[in-house]
Structure formats: structure tokens, C-alpha cells
């Protein structure tokens, strides 16, 4: 129902959703389904043991691990690979966690300035730029 109420998924570069009551065992499945349905990198977040936890899934050509690395200053832990990842953060960092959209915006600027693509890079950090 939450997904259906949102009507502008196709206008976004990515999808990041949080609901406190979701079971952490299903967030990966939901992230995969969002990618299948809308073809956007997706991060689905919930709360577990006082922390925000989530699962990320990506699309061809977008390194989701690089995007999380870019925002690693907001995370307490993350891991995975270019197509899928898991993450944890303190609840107070959730309002600032628009990681994917920031990554895409920064990536466009970086790519124009350096005449190269940054979407596959795994060493970039938001706090360094």
C-alpha cells in the first residue's frame, strides 16, 4: 500500500523507504521487488535493536556498494557488493540519509569535471568532497 500511494517512482534516480514496523527479514525481498518493478536502485530500511538496518539492491551499471561507501560517514556498518548490500546506522542519521540521490548528483558533477564515469568507483566518500 505504501508503494502504491507513491506515484512518482519513475521520476526518481533511486528509491529509499523506511518503516519502523517492517520485519528485517523481508527488507531484502522488498528491495529486490522494487528494483524489478521500477528499475531503480532501492534501499529498504527498518528498525532493529535500536538501530536502522536495511538492504540495498541495484541495477546494471550502478555500484550500490560504492554509493553506500560514498555515504559511509552516516553508517555504523555496511557490506556487500556492487549489486546488493546491507547496512546499519544510528536512528539520528536517518533524516540525512538520502545517500543514493546525493551520490547520483555528485556523480554527475564528478563525471563532467573528470570526463569519466564514477558510478562503478568503490573508493569515493561524501565527506572527502
Protein backbone atom coordinates (compact mmCIF):
# COMPACT_ATOMS: atom_id res chain seq x y z
CA UNK A 1 0.00 0.00 0.00
CA UNK A 2 2.82 2.43 0.86
CA UNK A 3 4.41 1.74 -2.52
CA UNK A 4 1.17 2.25 -4.41
CA UNK A 5 0.47 5.62 -2.74
CA UNK A 6 3.75 6.94 -4.03
CA UNK A 7 3.21 7.74 -7.70
CA UNK A 8 6.48 9.30 -8.84
CA UNK A 9 8.88 6.34 -8.65
CA UNK A 10 9.78 6.67 -12.34
CA UNK A 11 10.85 10.30 -11.81
CA UNK A 12 13.44 9.39 -9.18
CA UNK A 13 17.00 8.17 -9.58
CA UNK A 14 16.55 5.81 -6.65
CA UNK A 15 14.15 4.52 -4.04
CA UNK A 16 14.78 4.74 -0.28
CA UNK A 17 11.96 3.72 2.05
CA UNK A 18 11.79 3.37 5.84
CA UNK A 19 9.09 1.89 8.04
CA UNK A 20 9.79 1.15 11.69
CA UNK A 21 7.49 -1.86 11.86
CA UNK A 22 8.80 -3.89 8.88
CA UNK A 23 10.49 -7.18 9.76
CA UNK A 24 14.18 -7.04 8.93
CA UNK A 25 13.93 -10.47 7.30
CA UNK A 26 11.86 -9.10 4.40
CA UNK A 27 13.63 -5.85 3.52
CA UNK A 28 15.93 -7.56 1.00
CA UNK A 29 12.96 -9.15 -0.74
CA UNK A 30 11.13 -5.82 -0.87
CA UNK A 31 14.23 -4.04 -2.22
CA UNK A 32 14.54 -6.67 -4.97
CA UNK A 33 10.88 -6.29 -5.90
CA UNK A 34 11.19 -2.51 -6.08
CA UNK A 35 14.14 -2.92 -8.47
CA UNK A 36 12.16 -5.43 -10.54
CA UNK A 37 9.12 -3.21 -10.73
CA UNK A 38 10.64 0.27 -11.11
CA UNK A 39 14.20 -0.47 -12.27
CA UNK A 40 15.73 1.91 -9.73
CA UNK A 41 18.44 1.19 -7.13
CA UNK A 42 16.50 0.61 -3.91
CA UNK A 43 17.23 0.69 -0.20
CA UNK A 44 14.58 -0.57 2.21
CA UNK A 45 15.09 0.31 5.88
CA UNK A 46 13.54 -0.74 9.18
CA UNK A 47 14.40 -0.60 12.87
CA UNK A 48 16.02 -3.42 14.80
CA UNK A 49 17.52 -3.30 18.30
CA UNK A 50 17.51 0.49 18.36
CA UNK A 51 19.31 0.89 15.03
CA UNK A 52 18.18 1.45 11.48
CA UNK A 53 19.01 -1.59 9.35
CA UNK A 54 18.40 -2.16 5.71
CA UNK A 55 19.02 -3.90 2.49
CA UNK A 56 20.04 -2.40 -0.84
CA UNK A 57 19.66 -3.74 -4.36
CA UNK A 58 20.86 -2.18 -7.58
CA UNK A 59 20.55 -2.19 -11.35
CA UNK A 60 23.09 -2.78 -14.09
CA UNK A 61 25.75 -0.08 -14.20
CA UNK A 62 25.20 1.26 -10.66
CA UNK A 63 27.51 0.03 -7.91
CA UNK A 64 25.32 0.10 -4.79
CA UNK A 65 28.33 -0.68 -2.58
CA UNK A 66 30.09 2.42 -3.98
CA UNK A 67 27.01 4.52 -3.24
CA UNK A 68 26.98 3.30 0.38
CA UNK A 69 30.72 3.85 0.67
CA UNK A 70 30.13 7.41 -0.54
CA UNK A 71 27.82 7.93 2.47
CA UNK A 72 29.76 5.79 4.93
CA UNK A 73 30.08 8.66 7.40
CA UNK A 74 26.37 8.17 8.14
CA UNK A 75 26.62 4.39 8.60
CA UNK A 76 27.81 2.27 11.52
CA UNK A 77 28.31 -0.73 9.25
CA UNK A 78 27.74 -1.83 5.68
CA UNK A 79 28.87 -4.59 3.39
CA UNK A 80 28.07 -6.35 0.19
CA UNK A 81 28.99 -5.98 -3.45
CA UNK A 82 28.04 -3.90 -6.49
CA UNK A 83 24.57 -5.44 -6.86
CA UNK A 84 23.43 -5.91 -3.24
CA UNK A 85 24.38 -4.71 0.23
CA UNK A 86 23.27 -4.50 3.82
CA UNK A 87 23.64 -1.51 6.12
CA UNK A 88 23.19 -0.19 9.66
CA UNK A 89 23.02 3.33 11.02
CA UNK A 90 22.06 5.20 14.16
CA UNK A 91 18.47 6.47 14.08
CA UNK A 92 19.60 10.10 14.28
CA UNK A 93 21.30 9.73 10.88
CA UNK A 94 18.14 8.64 9.10
CA UNK A 95 16.92 12.17 8.20
CA UNK A 96 20.26 12.88 6.46
CA UNK A 97 20.30 9.56 4.63
CA UNK A 98 19.46 10.49 1.09
CA UNK A 99 22.61 8.71 0.05
CA UNK A 100 21.59 7.49 -3.37
CA UNK A 101 20.24 10.80 -4.61
CA UNK A 102 23.33 12.61 -3.33
CA UNK A 103 25.56 10.01 -4.97
CA UNK A 104 23.83 10.50 -8.31
CA UNK A 105 24.06 14.30 -8.12
CA UNK A 106 27.69 14.23 -7.06
CA UNK A 107 28.46 11.58 -9.67
CA UNK A 108 27.11 13.77 -12.47
CA UNK A 109 29.31 16.68 -11.37
CA UNK A 110 32.36 14.42 -10.93
CA UNK A 111 31.85 12.78 -14.32
CA UNK A 112 31.62 16.12 -16.11
CA UNK A 113 34.66 17.54 -14.33
CA UNK A 114 36.85 14.45 -14.81
CA UNK A 115 35.45 13.20 -18.12
CA UNK A 116 34.89 9.75 -16.65
CA UNK A 117 32.12 7.78 -15.01
CA UNK A 118 32.12 7.41 -11.24
CA UNK A 119 29.16 5.03 -10.99
CA UNK A 120 31.40 2.00 -10.63
CA UNK A 121 34.02 3.55 -8.35
CA UNK A 122 34.32 1.98 -4.92
CA UNK A 123 36.63 4.47 -3.18
CA UNK A 124 34.63 7.71 -3.12
CA UNK A 125 33.43 9.27 0.13
CA UNK A 126 30.96 12.11 0.52
CA UNK A 127 32.93 13.51 3.45
CA UNK A 128 36.06 13.87 1.26
CA UNK A 129 34.46 16.10 -1.39
